C-alpha atoms as a PDB file:
ATOM      1  CA  MET A   1      13.536  33.493  40.458  1.00  0.00           C
ATOM      2  CA  SER A   2      11.503  36.136  38.609  1.00  0.00           C
ATOM      3  CA  GLU A   3       8.546  34.932  36.466  1.00  0.00           C
ATOM      4  CA  SER A   4       9.770  37.254  33.697  1.00  0.00           C
ATOM      5  CA  PRO A   5      12.062  35.637  31.090  1.00  0.00           C
ATOM      6  CA  ILE A   6      14.408  38.606  31.556  1.00  0.00           C
ATOM      7  CA  ILE A   7      16.588  38.132  34.581  1.00  0.00           C
ATOM      8  CA  SER A   8      19.311  40.139  36.319  1.00  0.00           C
ATOM      9  CA  LEU A   9      23.003  39.402  36.562  1.00  0.00           C
ATOM     10  CA  THR A  10      22.455  38.478  40.213  1.00  0.00           C
ATOM     11  CA  GLU A  11      19.864  35.888  39.239  1.00  0.00           C
ATOM     12  CA  ALA A  12      22.058  34.541  36.493  1.00  0.00           C
ATOM     13  CA  ARG A  13      24.909  34.114  39.005  1.00  0.00           C
ATOM     14  CA  ALA A  14      22.667  32.155  41.341  1.00  0.00           C
ATOM     15  CA  ILE A  15      21.425  29.919  38.527  1.00  0.00           C
ATOM     16  CA  THR A  16      24.767  29.156  36.966  1.00  0.00           C
ATOM     17  CA  GLY A  17      27.023  29.257  40.002  1.00  0.00           C
ATOM     18  CA  LEU A  18      29.566  31.246  37.778  1.00  0.00           C
ATOM     19  CA  ASP A  19      31.427  34.277  38.813  1.00  0.00           C
ATOM     20  CA  LEU A  20      29.713  36.410  36.126  1.00  0.00           C
ATOM     21  CA  VAL A  21      30.668  40.082  35.381  1.00  0.00           C
ATOM     22  CA  SER A  22      28.728  42.795  33.556  1.00  0.00           C
ATOM     23  CA  GLY A  23      30.047  45.278  31.155  1.00  0.00           C
ATOM     24  CA  ILE A  24      28.594  47.911  33.605  1.00  0.00           C
ATOM     25  CA  ASN A  25      31.352  46.958  36.010  1.00  0.00           C
ATOM     26  CA  ILE A  26      34.227  47.122  33.560  1.00  0.00           C
ATOM     27  CA  PRO A  27      35.902  50.617  33.359  1.00  0.00           C
ATOM     28  CA  PHE A  28      36.292  51.956  29.828  1.00  0.00           C
ATOM     29  CA  GLY A  29      37.698  55.409  29.340  1.00  0.00           C
ATOM     30  CA  ASP A  30      35.712  57.937  31.291  1.00  0.00           C
ATOM     31  CA  SER A  31      32.786  55.553  31.748  1.00  0.00           C
ATOM     32  CA  ASN A  32      32.303  51.770  31.419  1.00  0.00           C
ATOM     33  CA  TYR A  33      32.230  49.141  28.745  1.00  0.00           C
ATOM     34  CA  ALA A  34      28.420  48.845  28.591  1.00  0.00           C
ATOM     35  CA  HIS A  35      27.959  52.632  28.151  1.00  0.00           C
ATOM     36  CA  ALA A  36      30.691  52.748  25.404  1.00  0.00           C
ATOM     37  CA  GLU A  37      29.132  49.819  23.523  1.00  0.00           C
ATOM     38  CA  THR A  38      25.673  51.446  23.625  1.00  0.00           C
ATOM     39  CA  ALA A  39      27.117  54.713  22.250  1.00  0.00           C
ATOM     40  CA  THR A  40      28.915  53.013  19.340  1.00  0.00           C
ATOM     41  CA  GLU A  41      26.530  50.136  18.610  1.00  0.00           C
ATOM     42  CA  SER A  42      25.094  50.054  15.149  1.00  0.00           C
ATOM     43  CA  PRO A  43      21.296  49.894  14.679  1.00  0.00           C
ATOM     44  CA  VAL A  44      21.701  46.503  12.935  1.00  0.00           C
ATOM     45  CA  HIS A  45      23.738  45.058  15.758  1.00  0.00           C
ATOM     46  CA  ARG A  46      21.191  46.326  18.308  1.00  0.00           C
ATOM     47  CA  LYS A  47      18.244  44.933  16.449  1.00  0.00           C
ATOM     48  CA  ALA A  48      19.914  41.559  15.900  1.00  0.00           C
ATOM     49  CA  LYS A  49      20.545  41.358  19.687  1.00  0.00           C
ATOM     50  CA  GLU A  50      16.983  42.279  20.430  1.00  0.00           C
ATOM     51  CA  GLU A  51      15.748  39.594  17.953  1.00  0.00           C
ATOM     52  CA  GLY A  52      18.067  37.057  19.446  1.00  0.00           C
ATOM     53  CA  ILE A  53      16.713  37.758  23.040  1.00  0.00           C
ATOM     54  CA  SER A  54      13.141  37.403  21.721  1.00  0.00           C
ATOM     55  CA  PHE A  55      14.178  34.140  19.962  1.00  0.00           C
ATOM     56  CA  PHE A  56      15.550  32.559  23.132  1.00  0.00           C
ATOM     57  CA  THR A  57      12.780  33.690  25.398  1.00  0.00           C
ATOM     58  CA  SER A  58      10.241  32.326  22.900  1.00  0.00           C
ATOM     59  CA  PHE A  59      11.709  28.784  23.508  1.00  0.00           C
ATOM     60  CA  GLY A  60      11.664  28.882  27.269  1.00  0.00           C
ATOM     61  CA  TYR A  61      15.053  30.383  28.071  1.00  0.00           C
ATOM     62  CA  PHE A  62      15.672  32.937  30.754  1.00  0.00           C
ATOM     63  CA  VAL A  63      17.879  35.763  29.379  1.00  0.00           C
ATOM     64  CA  CYS A  64      20.300  38.094  31.136  1.00  0.00           C
ATOM     65  CA  PRO A  65      20.339  40.927  28.411  1.00  0.00           C
ATOM     66  CA  GLU A  66      23.576  42.609  29.624  1.00  0.00           C
ATOM     67  CA  ALA A  67      26.996  42.299  28.073  1.00  0.00           C
ATOM     68  CA  VAL A  68      28.187  39.504  30.247  1.00  0.00           C
ATOM     69  CA  GLY A  69      31.281  37.557  30.852  1.00  0.00           C
ATOM     70  CA  VAL A  70      33.120  35.344  33.408  1.00  0.00           C
ATOM     71  CA  VAL A  71      35.885  36.454  35.699  1.00  0.00           C
ATOM     72  CA  GLY A  72      39.132  35.075  34.130  1.00  0.00           C
ATOM     73  CA  ALA A  73      37.777  35.250  30.618  1.00  0.00           C
ATOM     74  CA  TYR A  74      38.766  38.568  29.178  1.00  0.00           C
ATOM     75  CA  THR A  75      35.824  38.956  26.714  1.00  0.00           C
ATOM     76  CA  LEU A  76      32.036  39.597  26.889  1.00  0.00           C
ATOM     77  CA  ALA A  77      28.995  38.036  25.193  1.00  0.00           C
ATOM     78  CA  ASP A  78      26.126  40.180  24.135  1.00  0.00           C
ATOM     79  CA  PHE A  79      23.710  38.284  26.416  1.00  0.00           C
ATOM     80  CA  LEU A  80      23.318  35.067  28.356  1.00  0.00           C
ATOM     81  CA  ALA A  81      20.596  32.463  27.835  1.00  0.00           C
ATOM     82  CA  LEU A  82      19.711  29.867  30.491  1.00  0.00           C
ATOM     83  CA  ARG A  83      17.500  26.911  30.467  1.00  0.00           C
ATOM     84  CA  ASP A  84      17.364  23.462  32.239  1.00  0.00           C
ATOM     85  CA  GLY A  85      21.010  23.577  33.412  1.00  0.00           C
ATOM     86  CA  ARG A  86      22.261  24.964  30.033  1.00  0.00           C
ATOM     87  CA  THR A  87      24.361  28.065  29.954  1.00  0.00           C
ATOM     88  CA  VAL A  88      24.497  29.589  26.429  1.00  0.00           C
ATOM     89  CA  PHE A  89      26.682  32.659  25.725  1.00  0.00           C
ATOM     90  CA  VAL A  90      25.286  34.415  22.716  1.00  0.00           C
ATOM     91  CA  GLU A  91      27.421  36.744  20.619  1.00  0.00           C
ATOM     92  CA  VAL A  92      26.165  38.939  17.715  1.00  0.00           C
ATOM     93  CA  LEU A  93      29.082  38.765  15.276  1.00  0.00           C
ATOM     94  CA  SER A  94      29.115  41.643  12.821  1.00  0.00           C
ATOM     95  CA  ASP A  95      30.728  41.309   9.379  1.00  0.00           C
ATOM     96  CA  LEU A  96      33.540  43.585  10.429  1.00  0.00           C
ATOM     97  CA  ASN A  97      34.303  41.500  13.432  1.00  0.00           C
ATOM     98  CA  LEU A  98      34.900  37.978  12.054  1.00  0.00           C
ATOM     99  CA  SER A  99      38.574  37.902  12.644  1.00  0.00           C
ATOM    100  CA  GLU A 100      40.275  34.767  14.014  1.00  0.00           C
ATOM    101  CA  GLU A 101      41.342  36.764  17.082  1.00  0.00           C
ATOM    102  CA  THR A 102      37.807  37.769  18.012  1.00  0.00           C
ATOM    103  CA  ARG A 103      36.620  34.192  17.524  1.00  0.00           C
ATOM    104  CA  ALA A 104      39.380  32.854  19.655  1.00  0.00           C
ATOM    105  CA  LYS A 105      38.454  35.187  22.494  1.00  0.00           C
ATOM    106  CA  LYS A 106      34.792  34.202  22.364  1.00  0.00           C
ATOM    107  CA  GLU A 107      35.741  30.532  22.539  1.00  0.00           C
ATOM    108  CA  GLN A 108      36.846  31.050  26.108  1.00  0.00           C
ATOM    109  CA  PHE A 109      33.185  30.761  26.998  1.00  0.00           C
ATOM    110  CA  LEU A 110      33.316  26.990  26.117  1.00  0.00           C
ATOM    111  CA  ARG A 111      35.022  26.416  29.513  1.00  0.00           C
ATOM    112  CA  TYR A 112      31.811  27.629  31.226  1.00  0.00           C
ATOM    113  CA  GLY A 113      29.016  26.628  28.852  1.00  0.00           C
ATOM    114  CA  GLU A 114      27.830  26.803  25.275  1.00  0.00           C
ATOM    115  CA  LEU A 115      28.512  29.405  22.671  1.00  0.00           C
ATOM    116  CA  CYS A 116      26.039  30.557  20.046  1.00  0.00           C
ATOM    117  CA  TYR A 117      26.517  33.139  17.280  1.00  0.00           C
ATOM    118  CA  ILE A 118      24.089  35.415  15.517  1.00  0.00           C
ATOM    119  CA  CYS A 119      25.706  36.409  12.180  1.00  0.00           C
ATOM    120  CA  MET A 120      24.550  38.769   9.401  1.00  0.00           C
ATOM    121  CA  THR A 121      23.243  37.995   5.954  1.00  0.00           C
ATOM    122  CA  GLY A 122      21.715  40.017   3.133  1.00  0.00           C
ATOM    123  CA  SER A 123      24.464  42.541   2.421  1.00  0.00           C
ATOM    124  CA  LYS A 124      27.292  42.441  -0.057  1.00  0.00           C
ATOM    125  CA  LEU A 125      29.886  42.144   2.712  1.00  0.00           C
ATOM    126  CA  ALA A 126      27.918  39.624   4.804  1.00  0.00           C
ATOM    127  CA  ASP A 127      27.351  37.347   1.825  1.00  0.00           C
ATOM    128  CA  SER A 128      30.912  37.584   0.414  1.00  0.00           C
ATOM    129  CA  ASP A 129      32.736  34.334  -0.142  1.00  0.00           C
ATOM    130  CA  ALA A 130      35.286  35.027   2.631  1.00  0.00           C
ATOM    131  CA  ALA A 131      32.527  35.926   5.124  1.00  0.00           C
ATOM    132  CA  GLN A 132      30.424  32.835   4.062  1.00  0.00           C
ATOM    133  CA  ARG A 133      33.435  30.473   4.489  1.00  0.00           C
ATOM    134  CA  ILE A 134      33.937  31.661   8.112  1.00  0.00           C
ATOM    135  CA  LYS A 135      30.249  31.282   8.971  1.00  0.00           C
ATOM    136  CA  ASN A 136      30.110  27.823   7.527  1.00  0.00           C
ATOM    137  CA  GLN A 137      33.170  26.875   9.615  1.00  0.00           C
ATOM    138  CA  LEU A 138      31.538  28.301  12.705  1.00  0.00           C
ATOM    139  CA  ALA A 139      28.283  26.258  12.000  1.00  0.00           C
ATOM    140  CA  THR A 140      30.244  23.037  12.152  1.00  0.00           C
ATOM    141  CA  ARG A 141      31.129  23.710  15.785  1.00  0.00           C
ATOM    142  CA  PHE A 142      28.437  26.006  17.069  1.00  0.00           C
ATOM    143  CA  ASP A 143      24.849  26.999  16.756  1.00  0.00           C
ATOM    144  CA  VAL A 144      24.623  29.947  14.180  1.00  0.00           C
ATOM    145  CA  LEU A 145      21.499  32.051  13.679  1.00  0.00           C
ATOM    146  CA  THR A 146      21.516  34.709  10.899  1.00  0.00           C
ATOM    147  CA  TYR A 147      19.982  38.067  10.946  1.00  0.00           C
ATOM    148  CA  ASN A 148      18.860  39.133   7.507  1.00  0.00           C
ATOM    149  CA  VAL A 149      19.413  42.873   6.779  1.00  0.00           C
ATOM    150  CA  ASN A 150      17.958  42.867   3.277  1.00  0.00           C
ATOM    151  CA  PRO A 151      14.478  44.380   3.356  1.00  0.00           C
ATOM    152  CA  TYR A 152      13.637  42.758  -0.001  1.00  0.00           C
ATOM    153  CA  TYR A 153      13.687  39.315   1.596  1.00  0.00           C
ATOM    154  CA  GLY A 154      12.370  40.491   4.995  1.00  0.00           C
ATOM    155  CA  ILE A 155      14.521  41.754   7.809  1.00  0.00           C
ATOM    156  CA  GLY A 156      14.587  39.374  10.725  1.00  0.00           C
ATOM    157  CA  LEU A 157      16.193  36.387  12.317  1.00  0.00           C
ATOM    158  CA  GLU A 158      16.597  33.131  10.360  1.00  0.00           C
ATOM    159  CA  PHE A 159      17.417  29.664  11.774  1.00  0.00           C
ATOM    160  CA  SER A 160      17.264  26.032  10.974  1.00  0.00           C
ATOM    161  CA  LYS A 161      15.391  23.446  12.884  1.00  0.00           C
ATOM    162  CA  ASN A 162      18.485  21.429  13.801  1.00  0.00           C
ATOM    163  CA  LEU A 163      19.957  24.087  16.083  1.00  0.00           C
ATOM    164  CA  SER A 164      20.894  22.396  19.354  1.00  0.00           C
ATOM    165  CA  VAL A 165      19.445  25.309  21.391  1.00  0.00           C
ATOM    166  CA  LEU A 166      15.971  24.239  20.051  1.00  0.00           C
ATOM    167  CA  TRP A 167      16.413  20.748  21.457  1.00  0.00           C
ATOM    168  CA  SER A 168      17.271  19.131  24.822  1.00  0.00           C
ATOM    169  CA  THR A 169      20.836  18.587  23.671  1.00  0.00           C
ATOM    170  CA  THR A 170      24.079  20.358  22.959  1.00  0.00           C
ATOM    171  CA  LYS A 171      25.829  20.966  19.704  1.00  0.00           C
ATOM    172  CA  ALA A 172      28.522  18.345  20.774  1.00  0.00           C
ATOM    173  CA  GLN A 173      25.935  15.700  21.721  1.00  0.00           C
ATOM    174  CA  GLY A 174      23.745  16.244  18.665  1.00  0.00           C
ATOM    175  CA  ILE A 175      20.161  15.300  17.963  1.00  0.00           C
ATOM    176  CA  SER A 176      19.820  11.603  18.659  1.00  0.00           C
ATOM    177  CA  GLY A 177      17.787   8.954  16.991  1.00  0.00           C
ATOM    178  CA  GLU A 178      17.440   5.202  16.697  1.00  0.00           C
ATOM    179  CA  TYR A 179      17.023   3.012  13.681  1.00  0.00           C
ATOM    180  CA  SER A 180      16.333  -0.624  12.832  1.00  0.00           C
ATOM    181  CA  ILE A 181      16.833  -2.586   9.608  1.00  0.00           C
ATOM    182  CA  LYS A 182      14.733  -5.269   8.109  1.00  0.00           C
ATOM    183  CA  ARG A 183      16.412  -6.935   5.257  1.00  0.00           C
ATOM    184  CA  GLY A 184      14.310  -8.887   2.814  1.00  0.00           C
ATOM    185  CA  ARG A 185      15.073 -10.749  -0.410  1.00  0.00           C
ATOM    186  CA  LYS A 186      13.898  -7.886  -2.638  1.00  0.00           C
ATOM    187  CA  LYS A 187      13.930  -4.803  -0.441  1.00  0.00           C
ATOM    188  CA  THR A 188      15.408  -3.306   2.755  1.00  0.00           C
ATOM    189  CA  VAL A 189      13.285  -1.408   5.216  1.00  0.00           C
ATOM    190  CA  VAL A 190      14.945   1.116   7.495  1.00  0.00           C
ATOM    191  CA  GLU A 191      12.869   2.555  10.345  1.00  0.00           C
ATOM    192  CA  LEU A 192      14.117   5.834  11.917  1.00  0.00           C
ATOM    193  CA  HIS A 193      12.922   7.375  15.183  1.00  0.00           C
ATOM    194  CA  ILE A 194      14.169  10.694  16.614  1.00  0.00           C
ATOM    195  CA  THR A 195      14.558  10.372  20.410  1.00  0.00           C
ATOM    196  CA  THR A 196      15.835  13.806  21.387  1.00  0.00           C
ATOM    197  CA  ARG A 197      12.942  16.164  22.562  1.00  0.00           C
ATOM    198  CA  MET A 198      12.447  19.478  21.018  1.00  0.00           C
ATOM    199  CA  TYR A 199      11.649  22.567  23.167  1.00  0.00           C
ATOM    200  CA  GLN A 200       8.205  23.940  22.706  1.00  0.00           C
ATOM    201  CA  ASN A 201       6.961  27.545  23.146  1.00  0.00           C
ATOM    202  CA  PRO A 202       6.153  27.967  26.827  1.00  0.00           C
ATOM    203  CA  PHE A 203       2.766  29.121  28.018  1.00  0.00           C
ATOM    204  CA  GLY A 204       2.345  32.466  29.665  1.00  0.00           C
ATOM    205  CA  ARG A 205       5.040  34.282  27.600  1.00  0.00           C
ATOM    206  CA  THR A 206       4.952  36.655  24.712  1.00  0.00           C
ATOM    207  CA  ILE A 207       6.048  34.509  21.723  1.00  0.00           C
ATOM    208  CA  SER A 208       7.944  36.160  18.912  1.00  0.00           C
ATOM    209  CA  TYR A 209       9.170  32.932  17.178  1.00  0.00           C
ATOM    210  CA  MET A 210       6.627  30.100  16.906  1.00  0.00           C
ATOM    211  CA  ASN A 211       7.793  26.491  16.888  1.00  0.00           C
ATOM    212  CA  SER A 212       6.177  23.998  14.655  1.00  0.00           C
ATOM    213  CA  PRO A 213       4.523  20.879  16.187  1.00  0.00           C
ATOM    214  CA  GLU A 214       7.270  18.404  17.049  1.00  0.00           C
ATOM    215  CA  SER A 215       5.891  15.580  14.890  1.00  0.00           C
ATOM    216  CA  HIS A 216       6.004  18.045  11.911  1.00  0.00           C
ATOM    217  CA  VAL A 217       9.612  18.898  12.564  1.00  0.00           C
ATOM    218  CA  HIS A 218      10.471  15.118  12.642  1.00  0.00           C
ATOM    219  CA  GLU A 219       8.657  14.686   9.396  1.00  0.00           C
ATOM    220  CA  GLN A 220      10.668  17.481   7.845  1.00  0.00           C
ATOM    221  CA  PHE A 221      13.860  15.737   8.907  1.00  0.00           C
ATOM    222  CA  TYR A 222      12.724  12.480   7.249  1.00  0.00           C
ATOM    223  CA  PHE A 223      11.931  14.361   4.072  1.00  0.00           C
ATOM    224  CA  ASP A 224      15.291  16.009   4.132  1.00  0.00           C
ATOM    225  CA  CYS A 225      16.990  12.562   4.454  1.00  0.00           C
ATOM    226  CA  ILE A 226      15.273  11.020   1.480  1.00  0.00           C
ATOM    227  CA  GLU A 227      15.713  14.219  -0.672  1.00  0.00           C
ATOM    228  CA  ARG A 228      19.481  14.161   0.031  1.00  0.00           C
ATOM    229  CA  LEU A 229      19.722  10.516  -1.065  1.00  0.00           C
ATOM    230  CA  ALA A 230      17.454  11.013  -4.138  1.00  0.00           C
ATOM    231  CA  GLU A 231      19.428  14.072  -5.229  1.00  0.00           C
ATOM    232  CA  LYS A 232      22.672  12.129  -5.100  1.00  0.00           C
ATOM    233  CA  TYR A 233      21.265   9.506  -7.485  1.00  0.00           C
ATOM    234  CA  GLY A 234      19.545  11.977  -9.769  1.00  0.00           C
ATOM    235  CA  CYS A 235      16.083  10.770  -8.932  1.00  0.00           C
ATOM    236  CA  THR A 236      12.814  12.398  -9.922  1.00  0.00           C
ATOM    237  CA  TRP A 237      10.070  12.766  -7.374  1.00  0.00           C
ATOM    238  CA  ASN A 238       6.560  11.559  -7.344  1.00  0.00           C
ATOM    239  CA  ARG A 239       4.125  11.995  -4.493  1.00  0.00           C
ATOM    240  CA  ARG A 240       1.898   8.930  -4.388  1.00  0.00           C
ATOM    241  CA  PRO A 241      -1.741   9.648  -5.251  1.00  0.00           C
ATOM    242  CA  SER A 242      -2.672   6.784  -2.909  1.00  0.00           C
ATOM    243  CA  VAL A 243      -0.757   5.186  -0.049  1.00  0.00           C
ATOM    244  CA  ARG A 244      -2.725   1.895  -0.152  1.00  0.00           C
ATOM    245  CA  GLU A 245       0.089   0.003  -1.843  1.00  0.00           C
ATOM    246  CA  MET A 246       2.542   0.951   0.855  1.00  0.00           C
ATOM    247  CA  HIS A 247       3.606  -1.817   3.302  1.00  0.00           C
ATOM    248  CA  TYR A 248       3.273   0.679   6.156  1.00  0.00           C
ATOM    249  CA  ARG A 249       0.260   2.879   6.801  1.00  0.00           C
ATOM    250  CA  ALA A 250       0.943   6.510   6.053  1.00  0.00           C
ATOM    251  CA  MET A 251      -0.177   9.259   8.283  1.00  0.00           C
ATOM    252  CA  ARG A 252      -3.328  11.211   7.457  1.00  0.00           C
ATOM    253  CA  ARG A 253      -1.480  13.759   5.366  1.00  0.00           C
ATOM    254  CA  LYS A 254      -0.509  10.986   2.985  1.00  0.00           C
ATOM    255  CA  SER A 255       3.103  11.760   3.017  1.00  0.00           C
ATOM    256  CA  GLY A 256       4.270   8.673   1.115  1.00  0.00           C
ATOM    257  CA  LEU A 257       6.925   9.615  -1.339  1.00  0.00           C
ATOM    258  CA  ILE A 258       8.571   7.640  -4.052  1.00  0.00           C
ATOM    259  CA  ALA A 259      11.826   8.394  -5.966  1.00  0.00           C
ATOM    260  CA  LEU A 260      12.348   7.035  -9.422  1.00  0.00           C
ATOM    261  CA  SER A 261      15.637   6.493 -11.165  1.00  0.00           C
ATOM    262  CA  GLU A 262      15.568   5.406 -14.776  1.00  0.00           C
ATOM    263  CA  ASN A 263      11.910   4.533 -14.456  1.00  0.00           C
ATOM    264  CA  ALA A 264      12.592   2.056 -11.586  1.00  0.00           C
ATOM    265  CA  LYS A 265      11.672   2.562  -7.969  1.00  0.00           C
ATOM    266  CA  LEU A 266      14.722   3.361  -6.013  1.00  0.00           C
ATOM    267  CA  LEU A 267      13.482   4.285  -2.589  1.00  0.00           C
ATOM    268  CA  SER A 268      10.291   5.434  -0.823  1.00  0.00           C
ATOM    269  CA  LEU A 269       9.370   7.069   2.403  1.00  0.00           C
ATOM    270  CA  CYS A 270       6.342   6.743   4.556  1.00  0.00           C
ATOM    271  CA  VAL A 271       5.848   8.728   7.758  1.00  0.00           C
ATOM    272  CA  GLU A 272       3.955   6.489  10.201  1.00  0.00           C
ATOM    273  CA  ASP A 273       2.040   7.270  13.385  1.00  0.00           C
ATOM    274  CA  ARG A 274       1.755   4.105  15.411  1.00  0.00           C
ATOM    275  CA  ARG A 275      -0.261   5.399  18.324  1.00  0.00           C
ATOM    276  CA  GLU A 276      -3.386   3.663  19.460  1.00  0.00           C
ATOM    277  CA  GLY A 277      -6.126   5.913  18.250  1.00  0.00           C
ATOM    278  CA  GLY A 278      -5.740   9.598  17.548  1.00  0.00           C
ATOM    279  CA  ALA A 279      -4.651  12.659  19.542  1.00  0.00           C
ATOM    280  CA  PRO A 280      -7.334  13.755  22.008  1.00  0.00           C
ATOM    281  CA  GLU A 281      -9.500  16.582  20.870  1.00  0.00           C
ATOM    282  CA  THR A 282      -9.434  19.517  23.280  1.00  0.00           C
ATOM    283  CA  HIS A 283     -10.252  23.181  23.121  1.00  0.00           C
ATOM    284  CA  GLU A 284      -6.579  24.042  23.575  1.00  0.00           C
ATOM    285  CA  HIS A 285      -5.170  21.706  21.029  1.00  0.00           C
ATOM    286  CA  PRO A 286      -7.531  21.166  18.206  1.00  0.00           C
ATOM    287  CA  ARG A 287      -6.962  18.320  15.791  1.00  0.00           C
ATOM    288  CA  PHE A 288      -5.569  19.731  12.519  1.00  0.00           C
ATOM    289  CA  PRO A 289      -4.924  16.852  11.638  1.00  0.00           C
ATOM    290  CA  GLY A 290      -4.183  14.437  14.518  1.00  0.00           C
ATOM    291  CA  THR A 291      -0.525  13.686  13.632  1.00  0.00           C
ATOM    292  CA  ARG A 292       0.483  17.410  13.400  1.00  0.00           C
ATOM    293  CA  ASP A 293       0.305  17.853  17.094  1.00  0.00           C
ATOM    294  CA  ALA A 294       0.846  14.258  18.155  1.00  0.00           C
ATOM    295  CA  PRO A 295       3.317  12.972  20.632  1.00  0.00           C
ATOM    296  CA  THR A 296       6.421  11.658  18.952  1.00  0.00           C
ATOM    297  CA  GLU A 297       7.082   8.501  20.907  1.00  0.00           C
ATOM    298  CA  ARG A 298       5.695   6.295  18.120  1.00  0.00           C
ATOM    299  CA  PHE A 299       6.314   8.615  15.181  1.00  0.00           C
ATOM    300  CA  PHE A 300       8.612   6.834  12.636  1.00  0.00           C
ATOM    301  CA  GLY A 301      10.125   7.549   9.225  1.00  0.00           C
ATOM    302  CA  VAL A 302       9.946   4.298   7.327  1.00  0.00           C
ATOM    303  CA  PHE A 303      12.317   4.066   4.323  1.00  0.00           C
ATOM    304  CA  THR A 304      11.987   1.350   1.776  1.00  0.00           C
ATOM    305  CA  LEU A 305      15.124   0.696  -0.268  1.00  0.00           C
ATOM    306  CA  SER A 306      15.160  -1.261  -3.468  1.00  0.00           C
ATOM    307  CA  ARG A 307      18.991  -2.030  -3.259  1.00  0.00           C
ATOM    308  CA  PRO A 308      21.012  -3.124  -0.214  1.00  0.00           C
ATOM    309  CA  ASP A 309      23.867  -0.783  -1.132  1.00  0.00           C
ATOM    310  CA  LEU A 310      21.603   2.200  -0.425  1.00  0.00           C
ATOM    311  CA  GLU A 311      21.513   1.308   3.251  1.00  0.00           C
ATOM    312  CA  PRO A 312      24.823   3.016   4.218  1.00  0.00           C
ATOM    313  CA  GLU A 313      23.959   5.818   1.823  1.00  0.00           C
ATOM    314  CA  LEU A 314      20.758   6.486   3.660  1.00  0.00           C
ATOM    315  CA  LEU A 315      22.386   6.433   7.149  1.00  0.00           C
ATOM    316  CA  ALA A 316      24.994   8.961   5.796  1.00  0.00           C
ATOM    317  CA  ALA A 317      22.131  11.184   4.544  1.00  0.00           C
ATOM    318  CA  VAL A 318      20.479  10.949   8.070  1.00  0.00           C
ATOM    319  CA  LYS A 319      23.795  12.102   9.583  1.00  0.00           C
ATOM    320  CA  ASP A 320      24.086  14.974   7.106  1.00  0.00           C
ATOM    321  CA  SER A 321      20.591  16.086   8.018  1.00  0.00           C
ATOM    322  CA  GLY A 322      21.832  16.493  11.645  1.00  0.00           C
ATOM    323  CA  ILE A 323      20.612  13.340  13.300  1.00  0.00           C
ATOM    324  CA  LEU A 324      23.079  10.967  15.099  1.00  0.00           C
ATOM    325  CA  VAL A 325      21.488   7.591  14.988  1.00  0.00           C
ATOM    326  CA  THR A 326      22.337   4.263  16.677  1.00  0.00           C
ATOM    327  CA  GLN A 327      20.681   0.886  16.703  1.00  0.00           C
ATOM    328  CA  PRO A 328      18.947  -0.033  19.951  1.00  0.00           C
ATOM    329  CA  GLY A 329      21.279  -1.930  22.163  1.00  0.00           C
ATOM    330  CA  GLY A 330      24.382  -0.356  20.394  1.00  0.00           C
ATOM    331  CA  GLY A 331      25.741  -0.581  16.905  1.00  0.00           C
END
């Protein structure tokens, strides 16, 4: 296979084993579908597609940039992204093309792989209540990136860190984690560990979209969990000036957080790095600080709860953050 992240339809066929078809081979009027699409494609749609291709190649995918489909499925995706046995059909969905009929056609691709949408935001039509409802529904079943067309906020692609295409998982499988619970007489301690690995930017490629260090992304998930729970109970936030009082050692960035409700401690979070020693210092990966670029095998979010009834609430917040957790050994 070519070393370039951009591959041909022939290479894509060989990788997937699918009977793929290109828009170039589909007659349309006096020409073909690909030519007709190029002639009528809006600048915004074209730019969103280009940014989508840059996004996927930045995270190690090989991309067939043609309008591509599968024999027997009478629709085409804007491009195809492939990585580690994953086949992702990517469709740029304009605001004038959100109809149920269009979405039903695109879902034919689920018989052959995954489906990812790039939707628009930043215009009156794109941000209308009707369009937003459709996009929210799509996001419950598929990965959805958004392309912002408003220059005031910065034209470009926007995405969340819980997109399955950024992780070694699918939307159906979800980002997995494990948790353990230690119940004491006065407090409950829940330890959370994310087990699904996140894709990193590959070496030797031009990178348009930088990924954060994996441990930093884990930390953001832990923060999101406690923020969801604290918001539900109307808590105010304090960042601890010192982490010495914590039962678990905090990472070097002192990320211990405490939530207060009616002047009483409700819950706290400490992100803990349990590795022996620090991350090795090398020229390629400088320490800034050690836990930011650390392996995540021993990277935990430790939640201390003041009331036992907060336990199921925390696990619900974890799920809402996009992490599907189980206890080791089942449960």
